[in-house]
Amino acid sequence: AFDKVFYVQQKEAREFGGEWLPVGVDPALYRYEPQERVYDFCFIGNINNARVDFLRRLVEVFPRSYVGQAYGEAANTIYNQSAIAVNYSAGGDINMRMFEAQATSALLLSNRIDNGETELLPYIELYDDFADCVTMMRVFLKCANARRALSKAQADSMLSHTYEARARQFLGAIGWPGF
């Protein structure tokens, strides 16, 4: 009954034959602003059952952390005060955190979900399990220059993932005049 169907997740787009139109980021809200590092890492989002144990264990290893919810400017500040932003996609989805965190000066580390993240996000750093995440965090906390260079590359790459870019992608896909 529809000419075009768009899916936020690559897996669904492939499974159901629609077009992949992932979420994006608002660069006015989430932006690269290097600040004093108050936190070794942050996790901003819902702490659901799938994440509780993982995040609790991570805080035990890296107590200088922020784990909880924050929105808009408050979230942007926390990301920029964090050396690393950790993503744990409990549902195997490419989520808003992947874009918001990468737009800031925190280096995003995410669990591997095999849902198009490496195609979409060329500078994403992926871990396979808890031990791998801890190892990567230790390395990036010690190697500040490498971490800063990667986080800057992540932030720069987010300029092509803005909501305006997604709107243009959508309009082009439906054949809107001028796109």
N, C-alpha and C. Protein backbone atom coordinates (compact mmCIF):
# COMPACT_ATOMS: atom_id res chain seq x y z
N ALA A 1 0.81 -1.20 0.00
CA ALA A 1 0.00 0.00 0.00
C ALA A 1 0.86 1.27 0.00
N PHE A 2 2.20 1.12 0.10
CA PHE A 2 3.07 2.28 0.15
C PHE A 2 4.07 2.23 -0.99
N ASP A 3 4.45 3.40 -1.49
CA ASP A 3 5.48 3.47 -2.53
C ASP A 3 6.86 3.22 -1.95
N LYS A 4 7.10 3.75 -0.75
CA LYS A 4 8.40 3.61 -0.09
C LYS A 4 8.17 3.35 1.39
N VAL A 5 9.00 2.49 1.93
CA VAL A 5 9.00 2.25 3.37
C VAL A 5 10.43 2.44 3.86
N PHE A 6 10.57 3.20 4.94
CA PHE A 6 11.88 3.51 5.50
C PHE A 6 12.01 2.85 6.87
N TYR A 7 13.21 2.35 7.13
CA TYR A 7 13.50 1.70 8.40
C TYR A 7 14.71 2.36 9.03
N VAL A 8 14.65 2.55 10.33
CA VAL A 8 15.76 3.13 11.06
C VAL A 8 16.92 2.14 11.17
N GLN A 9 16.62 0.86 11.21
CA GLN A 9 17.64 -0.17 11.38
C GLN A 9 17.91 -0.88 10.05
N GLN A 10 19.19 -1.11 9.76
CA GLN A 10 19.57 -1.77 8.52
C GLN A 10 19.00 -3.18 8.43
N LYS A 11 19.00 -3.92 9.53
CA LYS A 11 18.49 -5.29 9.51
C LYS A 11 17.04 -5.34 9.03
N GLU A 12 16.20 -4.43 9.51
CA GLU A 12 14.80 -4.41 9.09
C GLU A 12 14.67 -3.97 7.64
N ALA A 13 15.48 -3.02 7.22
CA ALA A 13 15.43 -2.58 5.82
C ALA A 13 15.76 -3.75 4.89
N ARG A 14 16.75 -4.54 5.25
CA ARG A 14 17.11 -5.70 4.43
C ARG A 14 16.04 -6.78 4.50
N GLU A 15 15.54 -7.04 5.70
CA GLU A 15 14.56 -8.11 5.87
C GLU A 15 13.24 -7.82 5.15
N PHE A 16 12.79 -6.57 5.22
CA PHE A 16 11.49 -6.23 4.67
C PHE A 16 11.54 -5.50 3.33
N GLY A 17 12.76 -5.26 2.82
CA GLY A 17 12.90 -4.67 1.50
C GLY A 17 12.65 -3.17 1.42
N GLY A 18 12.81 -2.49 2.51
CA GLY A 18 12.63 -1.04 2.50
C GLY A 18 13.96 -0.33 2.39
N GLU A 19 13.92 0.98 2.58
CA GLU A 19 15.14 1.79 2.53
C GLU A 19 15.60 2.08 3.95
N TRP A 20 16.91 2.10 4.10
CA TRP A 20 17.52 2.37 5.40
C TRP A 20 17.66 3.87 5.56
N LEU A 21 17.02 4.40 6.59
CA LEU A 21 17.11 5.83 6.91
C LEU A 21 17.37 5.94 8.41
N PRO A 22 18.66 5.87 8.80
CA PRO A 22 18.99 5.87 10.23
C PRO A 22 18.71 7.21 10.89
N VAL A 23 18.75 7.18 12.21
CA VAL A 23 18.62 8.41 12.98
C VAL A 23 19.84 9.28 12.72
N GLY A 24 19.84 10.47 13.25
CA GLY A 24 20.97 11.38 13.07
C GLY A 24 21.22 12.15 14.35
N VAL A 25 21.76 13.35 14.19
CA VAL A 25 22.13 14.16 15.34
C VAL A 25 21.83 15.63 15.05
N ASP A 26 21.50 16.35 16.09
CA ASP A 26 21.31 17.80 15.99
C ASP A 26 22.61 18.47 16.39
N PRO A 27 23.37 19.03 15.41
CA PRO A 27 24.66 19.63 15.74
C PRO A 27 24.56 20.88 16.60
N ALA A 28 23.38 21.45 16.71
CA ALA A 28 23.21 22.60 17.61
C ALA A 28 23.17 22.14 19.06
N LEU A 29 22.76 20.90 19.30
CA LEU A 29 22.70 20.36 20.66
C LEU A 29 23.95 19.57 21.04
N TYR A 30 24.40 18.72 20.13
CA TYR A 30 25.54 17.84 20.42
C TYR A 30 26.70 18.26 19.55
N ARG A 31 27.76 18.76 20.19
CA ARG A 31 28.88 19.34 19.45
C ARG A 31 30.19 19.11 20.19
N TYR A 32 31.25 19.20 19.41
CA TYR A 32 32.61 18.98 19.89
C TYR A 32 33.06 20.20 20.68
N GLU A 33 33.20 20.03 21.99
CA GLU A 33 33.65 21.09 22.89
C GLU A 33 34.60 20.49 23.93
N PRO A 34 35.87 20.34 23.60
CA PRO A 34 36.79 19.75 24.59
C PRO A 34 36.76 20.53 25.90
N GLN A 35 36.58 19.81 26.97
CA GLN A 35 36.54 20.41 28.31
C GLN A 35 37.43 19.58 29.24
N GLU A 36 37.57 20.06 30.46
CA GLU A 36 38.29 19.27 31.45
C GLU A 36 37.58 17.93 31.61
N ARG A 37 38.35 16.86 31.66
CA ARG A 37 37.78 15.51 31.77
C ARG A 37 37.44 15.22 33.23
N VAL A 38 36.18 15.32 33.55
CA VAL A 38 35.68 15.03 34.88
C VAL A 38 35.46 13.52 35.03
N TYR A 39 35.13 12.88 33.92
CA TYR A 39 34.79 11.46 33.94
C TYR A 39 35.72 10.67 33.01
N ASP A 40 36.10 9.48 33.45
CA ASP A 40 36.81 8.57 32.55
C ASP A 40 35.86 8.06 31.47
N PHE A 41 34.62 7.80 31.90
CA PHE A 41 33.62 7.39 30.90
C PHE A 41 32.24 7.82 31.36
N CYS A 42 31.35 7.87 30.39
CA CYS A 42 29.94 8.10 30.69
C CYS A 42 29.09 7.13 29.89
N PHE A 43 27.94 6.85 30.44
CA PHE A 43 26.87 6.16 29.73
C PHE A 43 25.63 6.99 29.99
N ILE A 44 25.07 7.57 28.94
CA ILE A 44 23.86 8.37 29.08
C ILE A 44 22.74 7.60 28.40
N GLY A 45 21.76 7.23 29.18
CA GLY A 45 20.63 6.50 28.62
C GLY A 45 19.90 5.71 29.69
N ASN A 46 18.96 4.91 29.22
CA ASN A 46 18.17 4.07 30.11
C ASN A 46 19.02 2.91 30.63
N ILE A 47 18.90 2.67 31.91
CA ILE A 47 19.63 1.56 32.52
C ILE A 47 18.63 0.42 32.68
N ASN A 48 18.41 -0.28 31.57
CA ASN A 48 17.46 -1.38 31.60
C ASN A 48 18.15 -2.66 32.09
N ASN A 49 17.36 -3.70 32.25
CA ASN A 49 17.88 -4.95 32.81
C ASN A 49 19.07 -5.51 32.06
N ALA A 50 19.08 -5.36 30.74
CA ALA A 50 20.18 -5.91 29.95
C ALA A 50 21.49 -5.18 30.22
N ARG A 51 21.43 -3.94 30.65
CA ARG A 51 22.62 -3.11 30.85
C ARG A 51 23.11 -3.05 32.29
N VAL A 52 22.29 -3.36 33.25
CA VAL A 52 22.60 -3.14 34.66
C VAL A 52 23.93 -3.77 35.07
N ASP A 53 24.08 -5.06 34.84
CA ASP A 53 25.28 -5.76 35.28
C ASP A 53 26.52 -5.22 34.56
N PHE A 54 26.42 -5.03 33.26
CA PHE A 54 27.55 -4.52 32.48
C PHE A 54 28.01 -3.17 33.01
N LEU A 55 27.08 -2.24 33.22
CA LEU A 55 27.44 -0.90 33.70
C LEU A 55 27.93 -0.91 35.14
N ARG A 56 27.32 -1.73 35.98
CA ARG A 56 27.78 -1.83 37.38
C ARG A 56 29.23 -2.29 37.43
N ARG A 57 29.54 -3.32 36.63
CA ARG A 57 30.91 -3.83 36.60
C ARG A 57 31.88 -2.80 36.03
N LEU A 58 31.44 -2.05 35.04
CA LEU A 58 32.30 -1.03 34.44
C LEU A 58 32.61 0.08 35.44
N VAL A 59 31.62 0.48 36.23
CA VAL A 59 31.83 1.51 37.25
C VAL A 59 32.78 1.00 38.34
N GLU A 60 32.74 -0.29 38.63
CA GLU A 60 33.68 -0.85 39.61
C GLU A 60 35.12 -0.71 39.13
N VAL A 61 35.34 -0.85 37.83
CA VAL A 61 36.69 -0.74 37.27
C VAL A 61 37.08 0.73 37.08
N PHE A 62 36.12 1.54 36.65
CA PHE A 62 36.37 2.96 36.36
C PHE A 62 35.38 3.81 37.16
N PRO A 63 35.66 4.06 38.43
CA PRO A 63 34.69 4.77 39.28
C PRO A 63 34.46 6.24 38.91
N ARG A 64 35.42 6.85 38.21
CA ARG A 64 35.20 8.24 37.77
C ARG A 64 34.29 8.21 36.55
N SER A 65 32.99 8.09 36.82
CA SER A 65 32.06 7.88 35.72
C SER A 65 30.74 8.60 35.97
N TYR A 66 30.02 8.77 34.87
CA TYR A 66 28.64 9.24 34.94
C TYR A 66 27.80 8.17 34.25
N VAL A 67 26.85 7.61 34.97
CA VAL A 67 25.94 6.63 34.41
C VAL A 67 24.53 7.06 34.80
N GLY A 68 23.74 7.40 33.82
CA GLY A 68 22.38 7.85 34.08
C GLY A 68 21.80 8.56 32.89
N GLN A 69 20.71 9.25 33.13
CA GLN A 69 20.06 9.96 32.06
C GLN A 69 20.43 11.43 32.09
N ALA A 70 20.44 12.03 30.93
CA ALA A 70 20.64 13.48 30.76
C ALA A 70 20.14 13.82 29.37
N TYR A 71 19.74 15.05 29.19
CA TYR A 71 19.16 15.45 27.91
C TYR A 71 19.73 16.78 27.45
N GLY A 72 19.76 16.97 26.15
CA GLY A 72 20.12 18.25 25.56
C GLY A 72 21.46 18.78 26.02
N GLU A 73 21.46 20.03 26.47
CA GLU A 73 22.71 20.69 26.88
C GLU A 73 23.41 19.95 28.02
N ALA A 74 22.63 19.42 28.95
CA ALA A 74 23.23 18.68 30.07
C ALA A 74 23.97 17.45 29.54
N ALA A 75 23.36 16.73 28.61
CA ALA A 75 24.02 15.55 28.03
C ALA A 75 25.26 15.97 27.25
N ASN A 76 25.16 17.03 26.49
CA ASN A 76 26.32 17.52 25.72
C ASN A 76 27.48 17.85 26.66
N THR A 77 27.20 18.49 27.77
CA THR A 77 28.24 18.83 28.74
C THR A 77 28.89 17.56 29.31
N ILE A 78 28.06 16.59 29.69
CA ILE A 78 28.60 15.35 30.27
C ILE A 78 29.46 14.62 29.25
N TYR A 79 28.98 14.52 28.02
CA TYR A 79 29.80 13.87 26.98
C TYR A 79 31.14 14.57 26.84
N ASN A 80 31.13 15.88 26.76
CA ASN A 80 32.37 16.63 26.55
C ASN A 80 33.27 16.63 27.78
N GLN A 81 32.74 16.31 28.94
CA GLN A 81 33.56 16.18 30.14
C GLN A 81 34.07 14.75 30.34
N SER A 82 33.72 13.86 29.42
CA SER A 82 34.09 12.45 29.52
C SER A 82 35.15 12.11 28.49
N ALA A 83 36.12 11.34 28.90
CA ALA A 83 37.13 10.88 27.95
C ALA A 83 36.51 9.89 26.96
N ILE A 84 35.63 9.03 27.47
CA ILE A 84 35.03 7.97 26.67
C ILE A 84 33.53 7.95 26.94
N ALA A 85 32.76 7.74 25.89
CA ALA A 85 31.32 7.48 26.02
C ALA A 85 31.11 6.01 25.65
N VAL A 86 30.46 5.29 26.52
CA VAL A 86 30.21 3.87 26.27
C VAL A 86 28.78 3.70 25.80
N ASN A 87 28.63 2.91 24.75
CA ASN A 87 27.31 2.52 24.29
C ASN A 87 27.17 1.02 24.50
N TYR A 88 26.02 0.62 24.99
CA TYR A 88 25.68 -0.79 25.09
C TYR A 88 24.30 -0.93 24.48
N SER A 89 24.26 -1.34 23.23
CA SER A 89 23.00 -1.51 22.53
C SER A 89 22.39 -2.83 22.94
N ALA A 90 21.39 -2.77 23.81
CA ALA A 90 20.78 -3.98 24.34
C ALA A 90 19.91 -4.68 23.30
N GLY A 91 19.36 -3.93 22.35
CA GLY A 91 18.47 -4.51 21.36
C GLY A 91 19.10 -4.71 19.99
N GLY A 92 20.41 -4.51 19.90
CA GLY A 92 21.07 -4.66 18.60
C GLY A 92 20.74 -3.56 17.62
N ASP A 93 20.38 -2.41 18.15
CA ASP A 93 19.99 -1.30 17.29
C ASP A 93 21.04 -0.21 17.25
N ILE A 94 21.08 0.48 16.12
CA ILE A 94 21.88 1.70 16.04
C ILE A 94 21.02 2.77 16.70
N ASN A 95 21.50 3.31 17.81
CA ASN A 95 20.68 4.20 18.62
C ASN A 95 21.18 5.63 18.57
N MET A 96 20.40 6.51 19.16
CA MET A 96 20.73 7.95 19.18
C MET A 96 22.08 8.21 19.85
N ARG A 97 22.38 7.44 20.89
CA ARG A 97 23.64 7.62 21.62
C ARG A 97 24.84 7.53 20.70
N MET A 98 24.76 6.66 19.70
CA MET A 98 25.89 6.49 18.78
C MET A 98 26.19 7.78 18.03
N PHE A 99 25.18 8.53 17.70
CA PHE A 99 25.36 9.78 16.98
C PHE A 99 25.67 10.93 17.93
N GLU A 100 24.91 11.03 19.02
CA GLU A 100 25.09 12.13 19.96
C GLU A 100 26.48 12.10 20.58
N ALA A 101 26.93 10.94 21.04
CA ALA A 101 28.25 10.84 21.67
C ALA A 101 29.36 11.15 20.68
N GLN A 102 29.24 10.62 19.46
CA GLN A 102 30.30 10.85 18.48
C GLN A 102 30.39 12.31 18.04
N ALA A 103 29.32 13.06 18.19
CA ALA A 103 29.35 14.48 17.80
C ALA A 103 30.12 15.33 18.81
N THR A 104 30.47 14.75 19.95
CA THR A 104 31.15 15.49 21.02
C THR A 104 32.63 15.11 21.06
N SER A 105 33.31 15.56 22.11
CA SER A 105 34.75 15.25 22.22
C SER A 105 35.03 13.96 22.98
N ALA A 106 33.99 13.24 23.40
CA ALA A 106 34.19 11.93 24.02
C ALA A 106 34.39 10.90 22.91
N LEU A 107 35.24 9.94 23.13
CA LEU A 107 35.42 8.85 22.16
C LEU A 107 34.37 7.79 22.42
N LEU A 108 33.57 7.49 21.40
CA LEU A 108 32.53 6.48 21.57
C LEU A 108 33.09 5.07 21.39
N LEU A 109 32.81 4.21 22.38
CA LEU A 109 33.06 2.78 22.28
C LEU A 109 31.70 2.11 22.34
N SER A 110 31.42 1.23 21.39
CA SER A 110 30.12 0.57 21.35
C SER A 110 30.29 -0.93 21.21
N ASN A 111 29.32 -1.65 21.75
CA ASN A 111 29.32 -3.08 21.50
C ASN A 111 29.01 -3.33 20.02
N ARG A 112 29.59 -4.39 19.52
CA ARG A 112 29.40 -4.78 18.11
C ARG A 112 27.98 -5.34 17.97
N ILE A 113 27.22 -4.80 17.03
CA ILE A 113 25.84 -5.26 16.85
C ILE A 113 25.57 -5.80 15.45
N ASP A 114 26.49 -5.60 14.53
CA ASP A 114 26.34 -6.10 13.16
C ASP A 114 25.01 -5.66 12.54
N ASN A 115 24.75 -4.37 12.60
CA ASN A 115 23.52 -3.81 12.06
C ASN A 115 23.85 -2.61 11.16
N GLY A 116 25.02 -2.65 10.53
CA GLY A 116 25.41 -1.59 9.61
C GLY A 116 26.25 -0.50 10.24
N GLU A 117 26.63 -0.67 11.51
CA GLU A 117 27.38 0.40 12.19
C GLU A 117 28.73 0.69 11.55
N THR A 118 29.40 -0.33 11.03
CA THR A 118 30.72 -0.08 10.42
C THR A 118 30.59 0.59 9.06
N GLU A 119 29.50 0.35 8.37
CA GLU A 119 29.26 1.03 7.09
C GLU A 119 28.88 2.49 7.31
N LEU A 120 28.05 2.71 8.30
CA LEU A 120 27.49 4.04 8.56
C LEU A 120 28.45 4.94 9.33
N LEU A 121 29.20 4.36 10.24
CA LEU A 121 30.02 5.13 11.18
C LEU A 121 31.47 4.69 11.07
N PRO A 122 32.23 5.29 10.17
CA PRO A 122 33.57 4.77 9.85
C PRO A 122 34.59 4.85 10.99
N TYR A 123 34.38 5.69 11.98
CA TYR A 123 35.37 5.83 13.05
C TYR A 123 34.91 5.20 14.37
N ILE A 124 33.83 4.46 14.32
CA ILE A 124 33.32 3.85 15.54
C ILE A 124 34.32 2.81 16.06
N GLU A 125 34.50 2.78 17.36
CA GLU A 125 35.36 1.80 18.03
C GLU A 125 34.45 0.77 18.67
N LEU A 126 34.64 -0.51 18.30
CA LEU A 126 33.74 -1.57 18.73
C LEU A 126 34.41 -2.55 19.67
N TYR A 127 33.69 -2.94 20.70
CA TYR A 127 34.17 -3.99 21.60
C TYR A 127 33.25 -5.20 21.48
N ASP A 128 33.79 -6.36 21.83
CA ASP A 128 33.04 -7.61 21.68
C ASP A 128 32.39 -8.10 22.98
N ASP A 129 33.00 -7.78 24.11
CA ASP A 129 32.45 -8.23 25.40
C ASP A 129 33.01 -7.32 26.49
N PHE A 130 32.65 -7.60 27.72
CA PHE A 130 33.06 -6.76 28.84
C PHE A 130 34.58 -6.63 28.93
N ALA A 131 35.28 -7.75 28.87
CA ALA A 131 36.75 -7.73 28.99
C ALA A 131 37.38 -6.90 27.87
N ASP A 132 36.86 -7.04 26.68
CA ASP A 132 37.37 -6.27 25.53
C ASP A 132 37.12 -4.78 25.74
N CYS A 133 35.95 -4.43 26.25
CA CYS A 133 35.63 -3.03 26.52
C CYS A 133 36.60 -2.44 27.55
N VAL A 134 36.84 -3.16 28.62
CA VAL A 134 37.76 -2.68 29.67
C VAL A 134 39.16 -2.50 29.10
N THR A 135 39.63 -3.46 28.32
CA THR A 135 40.96 -3.36 27.72
C THR A 135 41.05 -2.13 26.83
N MET A 136 40.06 -1.94 25.98
CA MET A 136 40.06 -0.77 25.09
C MET A 136 40.03 0.53 25.88
N MET A 137 39.21 0.57 26.92
CA MET A 137 39.13 1.78 27.74
C MET A 137 40.47 2.10 28.39
N ARG A 138 41.12 1.10 28.92
CA ARG A 138 42.43 1.31 29.55
C ARG A 138 43.43 1.87 28.54
N VAL A 139 43.44 1.31 27.36
CA VAL A 139 44.36 1.79 26.31
C VAL A 139 44.05 3.25 25.96
N PHE A 140 42.78 3.54 25.69
CA PHE A 140 42.42 4.90 25.28
C PHE A 140 42.58 5.92 26.41
N LEU A 141 42.43 5.51 27.65
CA LEU A 141 42.65 6.44 28.76
C LEU A 141 44.14 6.76 28.91
N LYS A 142 44.99 5.79 28.60
CA LYS A 142 46.45 6.02 28.67
C LYS A 142 46.96 6.79 27.45
N CYS A 143 46.36 6.56 26.31
CA CYS A 143 46.82 7.17 25.04
C CYS A 143 45.92 8.33 24.67
N ALA A 144 46.04 9.42 25.42
CA ALA A 144 45.14 10.56 25.24
C ALA A 144 45.21 11.15 23.84
N ASN A 145 46.40 11.23 23.25
CA ASN A 145 46.51 11.81 21.91
C ASN A 145 45.76 10.99 20.87
N ALA A 146 45.91 9.70 20.92
CA ALA A 146 45.18 8.83 19.99
C ALA A 146 43.68 8.94 20.22
N ARG A 147 43.27 8.98 21.48
CA ARG A 147 41.85 9.10 21.82
C ARG A 147 41.29 10.42 21.28
N ARG A 148 42.02 11.50 21.49
CA ARG A 148 41.54 12.82 21.02
C ARG A 148 41.44 12.85 19.49
N ALA A 149 42.42 12.26 18.81
CA ALA A 149 42.40 12.24 17.34
C ALA A 149 41.20 11.44 16.83
N LEU A 150 40.95 10.31 17.45
CA LEU A 150 39.80 9.50 17.03
C LEU A 150 38.48 10.18 17.36
N SER A 151 38.39 10.80 18.51
CA SER A 151 37.13 11.46 18.87
C SER A 151 36.87 12.65 17.94
N LYS A 152 37.93 13.33 17.53
CA LYS A 152 37.76 14.44 16.57
C LYS A 152 37.29 13.91 15.22
N ALA A 153 37.84 12.78 14.79
CA ALA A 153 37.39 12.16 13.53
C ALA A 153 35.93 11.73 13.64
N GLN A 154 35.55 11.18 14.79
CA GLN A 154 34.15 10.82 14.99
C GLN A 154 33.26 12.05 14.90
N ALA A 155 33.65 13.11 15.59
CA ALA A 155 32.84 14.33 15.59
C ALA A 155 32.72 14.91 14.18
N ASP A 156 33.82 14.98 13.47
CA ASP A 156 33.78 15.52 12.10
C ASP A 156 32.87 14.67 11.21
N SER A 157 32.88 13.36 11.39
CA SER A 157 32.05 12.49 10.54
C SER A 157 30.56 12.67 10.83
N MET A 158 30.22 13.17 12.00
CA MET A 158 28.81 13.36 12.34
C MET A 158 28.18 14.51 11.55
N LEU A 159 28.99 15.36 10.96
CA LEU A 159 28.45 16.47 10.16
C LEU A 159 27.67 15.96 8.95
N SER A 160 27.92 14.72 8.54
CA SER A 160 27.15 14.14 7.44
C SER A 160 25.95 13.33 7.95
N HIS A 161 25.74 13.33 9.26
CA HIS A 161 24.62 12.59 9.85
C HIS A 161 23.67 13.50 10.62
N THR A 162 23.52 14.72 10.15
CA THR A 162 22.61 15.65 10.81
C THR A 162 21.16 15.35 10.41
N TYR A 163 20.23 15.92 11.14
CA TYR A 163 18.82 15.75 10.77
C TYR A 163 18.54 16.39 9.41
N GLU A 164 19.24 17.47 9.11
CA GLU A 164 19.07 18.08 7.79
C GLU A 164 19.53 17.10 6.70
N ALA A 165 20.66 16.44 6.91
CA ALA A 165 21.14 15.45 5.94
C ALA A 165 20.14 14.31 5.80
N ARG A 166 19.53 13.86 6.90
CA ARG A 166 18.53 12.79 6.84
C ARG A 166 17.29 13.26 6.07
N ALA A 167 16.87 14.50 6.29
CA ALA A 167 15.72 15.03 5.56
C ALA A 167 16.02 15.08 4.06
N ARG A 168 17.22 15.49 3.70
CA ARG A 168 17.61 15.51 2.29
C ARG A 168 17.63 14.10 1.71
N GLN A 169 18.12 13.14 2.49
CA GLN A 169 18.15 11.75 2.05
C GLN A 169 16.72 11.25 1.79
N PHE A 170 15.83 11.57 2.71
CA PHE A 170 14.43 11.17 2.58
C PHE A 170 13.80 11.81 1.34
N LEU A 171 13.97 13.11 1.19
CA LEU A 171 13.37 13.81 0.04
C LEU A 171 13.94 13.31 -1.28
N GLY A 172 15.24 13.02 -1.30
CA GLY A 172 15.83 12.46 -2.52
C GLY A 172 15.26 11.08 -2.83
N ALA A 173 15.05 10.27 -1.80
CA ALA A 173 14.54 8.91 -2.01
C ALA A 173 13.12 8.89 -2.53
N ILE A 174 12.33 9.91 -2.17
CA ILE A 174 10.94 9.93 -2.64
C ILE A 174 10.81 10.75 -3.93
N GLY A 175 11.95 11.22 -4.44
CA GLY A 175 11.93 11.94 -5.71
C GLY A 175 11.37 13.35 -5.64
N TRP A 176 11.52 13.98 -4.51
CA TRP A 176 11.06 15.36 -4.33
C TRP A 176 11.85 16.25 -5.28
N PRO A 177 11.18 17.15 -5.98
CA PRO A 177 11.89 18.01 -6.95
C PRO A 177 13.07 18.75 -6.30
N GLY A 178 14.18 18.74 -7.00
CA GLY A 178 15.37 19.42 -6.52
C GLY A 178 16.33 18.52 -5.75
N PHE A 179 15.94 17.26 -5.56
CA PHE A 179 16.81 16.35 -4.81
C PHE A 179 17.19 15.20 -5.67
